[in-house]
Structure formats: structure tokens, C-alpha cells
């Protein structure tokens, strides 16, 4: 992905609770080409992909094209409640339906979580979304995303209610090889909390509650010869669950374009702010596939 700024109103993304993670566009071959179409050229797929960063790309899938984004991620959380979580295939499927417009399918995503005493498995919530890419202005590209997920998950991996998301994406190509972007995300979601954890009320059943979280991110990308791209991203989040605190974490990785129809990537992320005495780090691999 190149460079992006996005405003989100509730989206499923990084190690989210054990966050996982989507990207911004990447700089193209020549400055003139970038100014003409930052989302085009031989590296179009790199510019279009949302994965593997948390922020979204400002480039919509071209009309008539289909892009599949898949990944595998292991998240390790330490502290008194240490656990290991696996998520795959982190599906995000995108279809270009008109010039500047795409429709998205969120999911499927299977999860497996293991602690010292238990192993659980299930599926995350699924949903639908869209992207509208506005007319480009020089090195800037702008887009709007909307996403909605429903409580379709199983095995304790559902949010327990709908999640709505609105993204405003802005990408900027600083040079033919270097890009800078930011993502501003606001999410309206549902989650659970245990009253006994937050009040002196003993052991009461978990309560479902709506909450809003703000999730800004900053990403930089650097392209190398032969279609390699490095990226580094800093992400903040004001709430991770109802009545819970926020987090600050970073992720970085390497992407490789294998022709116009296939991208592969690897990433690593680490949390800076412990939650309930626990911090996480994660590793992941993935691919972006343009079907047509």
C-alpha cells in the first residue's frame, strides 16, 4: 500500500483484542506517473491492498477487478493471563463495481486461542463494506470507506453486536519511492465486561455494552528495486473494550510484488501499553491476489 489517511467509524482490524491488523497506498514508478494516477502503473496491486497494515488504502479496486486479501497471524500475550491466539485467513474480499467504487466482504476468519488451562476456537464476525475513491489531486488520493459487521461469530469470538465503520482515507506520495500516511479511525462497536472486574459487586455475569473507540495510525512506506516495499506503522486506540483503557502499538514488515496479480508479505507487531497486566506481540504472513 502507499500512503494513507483514514477515518474509521468501527472496523474490525489489528490484533483486535489480540489485534490483527490493513495498509495505505505506495509510491509508484515515476513522479509524473504518480501525479497522473498514483493508484495505477505496474505496481497497482501494492497501491490498492489494504493489508498488511491497520490503515486502509485510498485506492479503490478497478472496475471489473477482484482482489482477495488473506493472511495468517499468531498473537502472543504475556502477563498473568498469558495466551496464544491464531487467526486465519483474515479474509477481506474486494470487487470493483464502477469507476472509483468497490464492494467488500469482511471474513471469513477462524480463531484458535490457547491459555495454560484451555483451548478455544471459533469464527469472527462477518460483514460488508464499500469504498469510494474521490478524483485524485496530484500526489494526493482520497477515499471514503463504510463497513458493517454483524454478530455472526462463534466460540466467544463475536463482538456480540453490530460494528459500524466509516473511513476517510488520504494518501500522499512524497517521492517516487517514499510515502507517508495517517489513518484516523473511529469505531462504534459492542463488547462485554464483567461487573465484578470494574466494581465491588462480586462475581456477576458478563454484561454487553456499546462503546466508541478512536484509532489513529501513522504509516511510512519505502519501495526498493524489484518491487519490494518496507513499511512501518504506529497505531493508537482509545478503548479496547467497554470500560477498558486504550493501547499503543507498532507494526512493520516487508511486501513483495510477484507480477501484477500476486503480492506476499510478512509482518511483526508489538504492544507498548499493557492492558490488565498483559502486553502482546504478533507475527503474520499474507498475500494479496488480483483475480481479474
Protein backbone atom coordinates (compact mmCIF):
# COMPACT_ATOMS: atom_id res chain seq x y z
CA UNK A 1 0.00 0.00 0.00
CA UNK A 2 1.17 3.50 -0.49
CA UNK A 3 0.33 6.23 1.90
CA UNK A 4 -2.99 6.85 3.56
CA UNK A 5 -5.10 8.83 5.95
CA UNK A 6 -8.32 7.19 7.05
CA UNK A 7 -11.19 7.99 9.38
CA UNK A 8 -12.96 4.86 10.57
CA UNK A 9 -16.22 4.51 12.38
CA UNK A 10 -15.96 0.96 13.52
CA UNK A 11 -13.97 -1.59 11.81
CA UNK A 12 -12.63 -4.98 12.57
CA UNK A 13 -8.78 -4.76 12.45
CA UNK A 14 -5.14 -5.37 14.20
CA UNK A 15 -4.68 -7.78 16.97
CA UNK A 16 -8.11 -6.63 17.91
CA UNK A 17 -8.35 -7.77 21.33
CA UNK A 18 -5.38 -9.59 20.31
CA UNK A 19 -5.30 -7.16 17.44
CA UNK A 20 -4.68 -8.25 13.92
CA UNK A 21 -4.46 -6.00 11.62
CA UNK A 22 -4.50 -3.05 6.70
CA UNK A 23 -2.41 -0.56 4.77
CA UNK A 24 -2.24 2.63 2.67
CA UNK A 25 -1.08 3.05 -0.95
CA UNK A 26 2.53 3.00 -2.15
CA UNK A 27 4.57 5.31 -4.35
CA UNK A 28 4.79 4.40 -8.00
CA UNK A 29 7.47 4.29 -10.63
CA UNK A 30 7.77 7.91 -11.72
CA UNK A 31 6.62 11.18 -10.20
CA UNK A 32 4.81 12.06 -13.39
CA UNK A 33 3.05 8.71 -13.29
CA UNK A 34 2.11 9.28 -9.66
CA UNK A 35 0.61 12.66 -10.42
CA UNK A 36 -1.34 11.14 -13.31
CA UNK A 37 -2.56 8.09 -11.38
CA UNK A 38 -0.99 7.20 -8.00
CA UNK A 39 -3.15 4.07 -7.94
CA UNK A 40 -2.07 2.81 -11.38
CA UNK A 41 1.03 1.54 -13.14
CA UNK A 42 2.76 -1.82 -12.93
CA UNK A 43 2.65 -1.74 -9.12
CA UNK A 44 -1.10 -1.11 -8.91
CA UNK A 45 -1.66 -4.09 -6.61
CA UNK A 46 0.76 -2.73 -3.95
CA UNK A 47 -1.05 0.61 -4.02
CA UNK A 48 -4.51 -0.99 -3.79
CA UNK A 49 -4.03 -3.54 -1.00
CA UNK A 50 -5.36 -2.80 2.49
CA UNK A 51 -3.21 -5.50 4.12
CA UNK A 52 -0.99 -5.91 5.97
CA UNK A 53 -1.25 -2.58 7.83
CA UNK A 54 -4.10 -1.37 10.05
CA UNK A 55 -4.95 1.67 7.92
CA UNK A 56 -6.82 1.38 4.64
CA UNK A 57 -5.63 2.17 1.12
CA UNK A 58 -7.08 5.20 -0.61
CA UNK A 59 -7.09 3.30 -3.92
CA UNK A 60 -10.27 1.50 -4.93
CA UNK A 61 -10.20 -1.76 -6.87
CA UNK A 62 -10.57 -1.01 -10.62
CA UNK A 63 -13.97 -1.64 -12.19
CA UNK A 64 -14.38 -5.32 -13.10
CA UNK A 65 -11.41 -6.46 -10.98
CA UNK A 66 -11.48 -8.74 -7.92
CA UNK A 67 -8.83 -8.58 -5.19
CA UNK A 68 -8.59 -11.19 -2.43
CA UNK A 69 -6.64 -10.34 0.74
CA UNK A 70 -5.74 -13.29 3.00
CA UNK A 71 -3.43 -13.75 5.99
CA UNK A 72 -2.29 -15.87 8.92
CA UNK A 73 -1.37 -14.33 12.28
CA UNK A 74 -0.06 -15.57 15.63
CA UNK A 75 -0.50 -13.26 18.63
CA UNK A 76 1.29 -13.83 21.93
CA UNK A 77 0.04 -12.12 25.11
CA UNK A 78 2.06 -12.27 28.32
CA UNK A 79 1.28 -11.44 31.92
CA UNK A 80 -0.96 -13.26 34.41
CA UNK A 81 -3.44 -14.22 31.68
CA UNK A 82 -0.84 -15.36 29.13
CA UNK A 83 -2.25 -16.87 25.94
CA UNK A 84 -1.50 -17.56 22.28
CA UNK A 85 -4.01 -16.75 19.53
CA UNK A 86 -4.08 -17.75 15.88
CA UNK A 87 -6.25 -16.08 13.21
CA UNK A 88 -6.72 -17.10 9.56
CA UNK A 89 -7.45 -16.49 6.72
CA UNK A 90 -8.34 -12.91 7.76
CA UNK A 91 -10.39 -12.66 4.61
CA UNK A 92 -11.11 -9.27 3.03
CA UNK A 93 -12.50 -9.69 -0.49
CA UNK A 94 -12.94 -6.67 -2.78
CA UNK A 95 -14.81 -6.21 -6.07
CA UNK A 96 -14.64 -3.14 -8.33
CA UNK A 97 -18.21 -2.35 -9.37
CA UNK A 98 -17.81 1.07 -11.04
CA UNK A 99 -15.14 3.68 -11.61
CA UNK A 100 -13.89 4.60 -8.12
CA UNK A 101 -16.35 2.25 -6.39
CA UNK A 102 -15.80 -1.15 -4.77
CA UNK A 103 -17.82 -3.54 -2.61
CA UNK A 104 -16.18 -5.58 0.16
CA UNK A 105 -16.80 -8.83 2.03
CA UNK A 106 -15.31 -8.98 5.54
CA UNK A 107 -14.38 -12.55 6.53
CA UNK A 108 -14.25 -15.42 6.93
CA UNK A 109 -11.78 -15.53 9.82
CA UNK A 110 -11.20 -18.55 12.07
CA UNK A 111 -9.61 -18.21 15.52
CA UNK A 112 -7.88 -20.56 17.93
CA UNK A 113 -6.88 -19.38 21.39
CA UNK A 114 -4.81 -21.30 23.93
CA UNK A 115 -4.04 -20.48 27.56
CA UNK A 116 -2.39 -22.54 30.28
CA UNK A 117 -5.65 -24.36 31.00
CA UNK A 118 -7.98 -24.09 28.00
CA UNK A 119 -8.12 -24.18 24.21
CA UNK A 120 -11.00 -22.46 22.41
CA UNK A 121 -11.88 -21.95 18.77
CA UNK A 122 -14.47 -20.11 16.70
CA UNK A 123 -15.14 -17.55 13.99
CA UNK A 124 -15.05 -13.75 13.97
CA UNK A 125 -17.99 -11.61 12.89
CA UNK A 126 -18.55 -11.20 9.15
CA UNK A 127 -19.78 -8.13 7.30
CA UNK A 128 -19.96 -5.97 4.19
CA UNK A 129 -18.36 -2.73 3.13
CA UNK A 130 -17.70 -0.27 0.32
CA UNK A 131 -15.02 2.16 -0.81
CA UNK A 132 -15.40 5.30 -2.91
CA UNK A 133 -12.22 6.82 -4.33
CA UNK A 134 -12.52 10.56 -4.98
CA UNK A 135 -10.90 12.26 -8.00
CA UNK A 136 -7.13 12.43 -7.47
CA UNK A 137 -5.30 15.69 -6.87
CA UNK A 138 -1.61 15.48 -7.81
CA UNK A 139 0.22 13.35 -5.27
CA UNK A 140 -2.87 13.05 -3.06
CA UNK A 141 -5.53 10.35 -3.24
CA UNK A 142 -8.71 10.47 -1.16
CA UNK A 143 -11.33 7.83 -0.42
CA UNK A 144 -14.23 7.01 1.88
CA UNK A 145 -14.93 3.54 3.31
CA UNK A 146 -18.01 2.24 5.09
CA UNK A 147 -18.09 -1.17 6.79
CA UNK A 148 -20.64 -3.03 8.90
CA UNK A 149 -20.24 -6.37 10.68
CA UNK A 150 -22.97 -8.40 12.38
CA UNK A 151 -22.77 -10.69 15.40
CA UNK A 152 -22.21 -13.84 13.34
CA UNK A 153 -19.11 -15.05 15.20
CA UNK A 154 -18.91 -18.20 17.33
CA UNK A 155 -16.92 -19.63 20.22
CA UNK A 156 -16.64 -16.34 22.10
CA UNK A 157 -15.01 -14.52 19.16
CA UNK A 158 -18.04 -12.35 18.30
CA UNK A 159 -18.37 -8.73 19.41
CA UNK A 160 -21.89 -9.62 20.50
CA UNK A 161 -23.47 -6.88 18.38
CA UNK A 162 -23.02 -4.83 15.20
CA UNK A 163 -19.94 -2.78 14.41
CA UNK A 164 -20.16 0.21 12.04
CA UNK A 165 -17.15 1.81 10.38
CA UNK A 166 -16.55 4.99 8.40
CA UNK A 167 -13.08 5.62 6.94
CA UNK A 168 -11.75 8.76 5.33
CA UNK A 169 -8.54 7.75 3.53
CA UNK A 170 -5.89 10.19 2.29
CA UNK A 171 -2.64 9.03 0.69
CA UNK A 172 0.36 11.18 -0.22
CA UNK A 173 3.35 10.13 -2.35
CA UNK A 174 6.28 12.21 -1.09
CA UNK A 175 8.61 10.85 -3.81
CA UNK A 176 8.65 8.02 -6.35
CA UNK A 177 9.85 5.67 -3.58
CA UNK A 178 8.68 7.18 -0.28
CA UNK A 179 5.20 7.64 1.11
CA UNK A 180 3.71 8.95 4.35
CA UNK A 181 0.18 8.47 5.57
CA UNK A 182 -2.08 8.62 8.56
CA UNK A 183 -5.28 6.84 9.48
CA UNK A 184 -7.87 8.36 11.80
CA UNK A 185 -10.36 5.73 12.86
CA UNK A 186 -13.50 5.99 14.97
CA UNK A 187 -15.31 2.75 15.72
CA UNK A 188 -18.78 2.16 17.20
CA UNK A 189 -18.88 -1.41 18.45
CA UNK A 190 -20.22 -3.82 21.05
CA UNK A 191 -18.32 -5.71 23.71
CA UNK A 192 -18.57 -7.43 27.07
CA UNK A 193 -17.30 -6.60 30.53
CA UNK A 194 -17.55 -8.31 33.90
CA UNK A 195 -19.15 -6.03 36.53
CA UNK A 196 -17.07 -7.66 39.26
CA UNK A 197 -13.93 -6.51 37.46
CA UNK A 198 -14.91 -2.84 37.47
CA UNK A 199 -16.94 -2.58 40.68
CA UNK A 200 -17.11 -4.16 44.11
CA UNK A 201 -20.13 -6.25 43.17
CA UNK A 202 -18.66 -9.73 43.38
CA UNK A 203 -18.89 -12.23 40.55
CA UNK A 204 -21.72 -11.16 38.25
CA UNK A 205 -22.45 -12.34 34.70
CA UNK A 206 -20.71 -10.52 31.85
CA UNK A 207 -22.64 -7.52 30.53
CA UNK A 208 -22.86 -6.50 26.86
CA UNK A 209 -22.39 -2.79 26.19
CA UNK A 210 -21.90 -0.42 23.24
CA UNK A 211 -18.77 1.74 23.12
CA UNK A 212 -16.88 4.07 20.78
CA UNK A 213 -13.14 3.96 20.18
CA UNK A 214 -10.82 6.30 18.28
CA UNK A 215 -7.95 4.59 16.41
CA UNK A 216 -5.38 6.87 14.73
CA UNK A 217 -2.35 5.49 12.90
CA UNK A 218 0.70 6.79 11.06
CA UNK A 219 2.44 4.77 8.34
CA UNK A 220 5.51 5.28 6.15
CA UNK A 221 6.42 3.17 3.12
CA UNK A 222 9.68 2.79 1.19
CA UNK A 223 9.94 0.97 -2.13
CA UNK A 224 13.06 -0.89 -3.20
CA UNK A 225 14.01 -2.06 -6.69
CA UNK A 226 12.44 -5.28 -7.94
CA UNK A 227 9.03 -4.48 -6.38
CA UNK A 228 9.93 -4.77 -2.69
CA UNK A 229 8.31 -2.44 -0.18
CA UNK A 230 9.08 -1.80 3.50
CA UNK A 231 6.52 -0.25 5.81
CA UNK A 232 6.34 0.86 9.45
CA UNK A 233 3.19 1.91 11.28
CA UNK A 234 2.27 3.37 14.68
CA UNK A 235 -1.29 2.77 15.92
CA UNK A 236 -3.22 4.09 18.91
CA UNK A 237 -6.62 3.10 20.26
CA UNK A 238 -8.60 4.87 22.99
CA UNK A 239 -10.64 1.81 24.06
CA UNK A 240 -10.15 -1.91 23.50
CA UNK A 241 -13.49 -2.90 25.10
CA UNK A 242 -16.33 -1.31 27.11
CA UNK A 243 -14.96 0.46 30.21
CA UNK A 244 -11.43 -0.59 29.26
CA UNK A 245 -8.39 1.56 28.56
CA UNK A 246 -6.52 2.13 25.33
CA UNK A 247 -3.37 0.80 23.71
CA UNK A 248 -0.42 1.96 21.62
CA UNK A 249 1.42 -0.45 19.35
CA UNK A 250 3.57 -0.60 16.25
CA UNK A 251 3.82 -2.96 13.31
CA UNK A 252 6.29 -3.19 10.44
CA UNK A 253 7.03 -5.57 7.61
CA UNK A 254 8.08 -6.33 4.06
CA UNK A 255 5.94 -6.74 0.94
CA UNK A 256 6.97 -8.32 -2.37
CA UNK A 257 5.09 -7.97 -5.65
CA UNK A 258 5.31 -11.14 -7.78
CA UNK A 259 3.94 -9.79 -11.03
CA UNK A 260 0.73 -7.77 -11.49
CA UNK A 261 -1.56 -10.36 -9.84
CA UNK A 262 0.19 -11.53 -6.64
CA UNK A 263 1.69 -9.88 -3.53
CA UNK A 264 3.14 -11.64 -0.47
CA UNK A 265 4.05 -10.06 2.87
CA UNK A 266 5.41 -10.67 6.35
CA UNK A 267 4.91 -8.52 9.44
CA UNK A 268 5.71 -8.13 13.13
CA UNK A 269 3.83 -6.06 15.72
CA UNK A 270 4.41 -5.22 19.38
CA UNK A 271 2.32 -3.51 22.07
CA UNK A 272 3.73 -0.62 24.14
CA UNK A 273 0.93 -0.33 26.71
CA UNK A 274 -0.06 -3.27 28.93
CA UNK A 275 -3.78 -3.98 29.42
CA UNK A 276 -4.72 -5.75 32.68
CA UNK A 277 -1.03 -6.51 33.14
CA UNK A 278 -0.66 -8.06 29.68
CA UNK A 279 1.16 -6.93 26.52
CA UNK A 280 1.03 -8.59 23.12
CA UNK A 281 3.26 -9.12 20.12
CA UNK A 282 2.39 -10.83 16.86
CA UNK A 283 3.82 -12.17 13.64
CA UNK A 284 1.93 -12.66 10.40
CA UNK A 285 2.20 -13.60 6.76
CA UNK A 286 -0.24 -12.99 3.96
CA UNK A 287 -1.00 -12.48 0.31
CA UNK A 288 -2.93 -10.19 -1.98
CA UNK A 289 -4.34 -11.80 -5.12
CA UNK A 290 -5.87 -9.98 -8.08
CA UNK A 291 -8.18 -12.46 -9.78
CA UNK A 292 -9.03 -10.38 -12.85
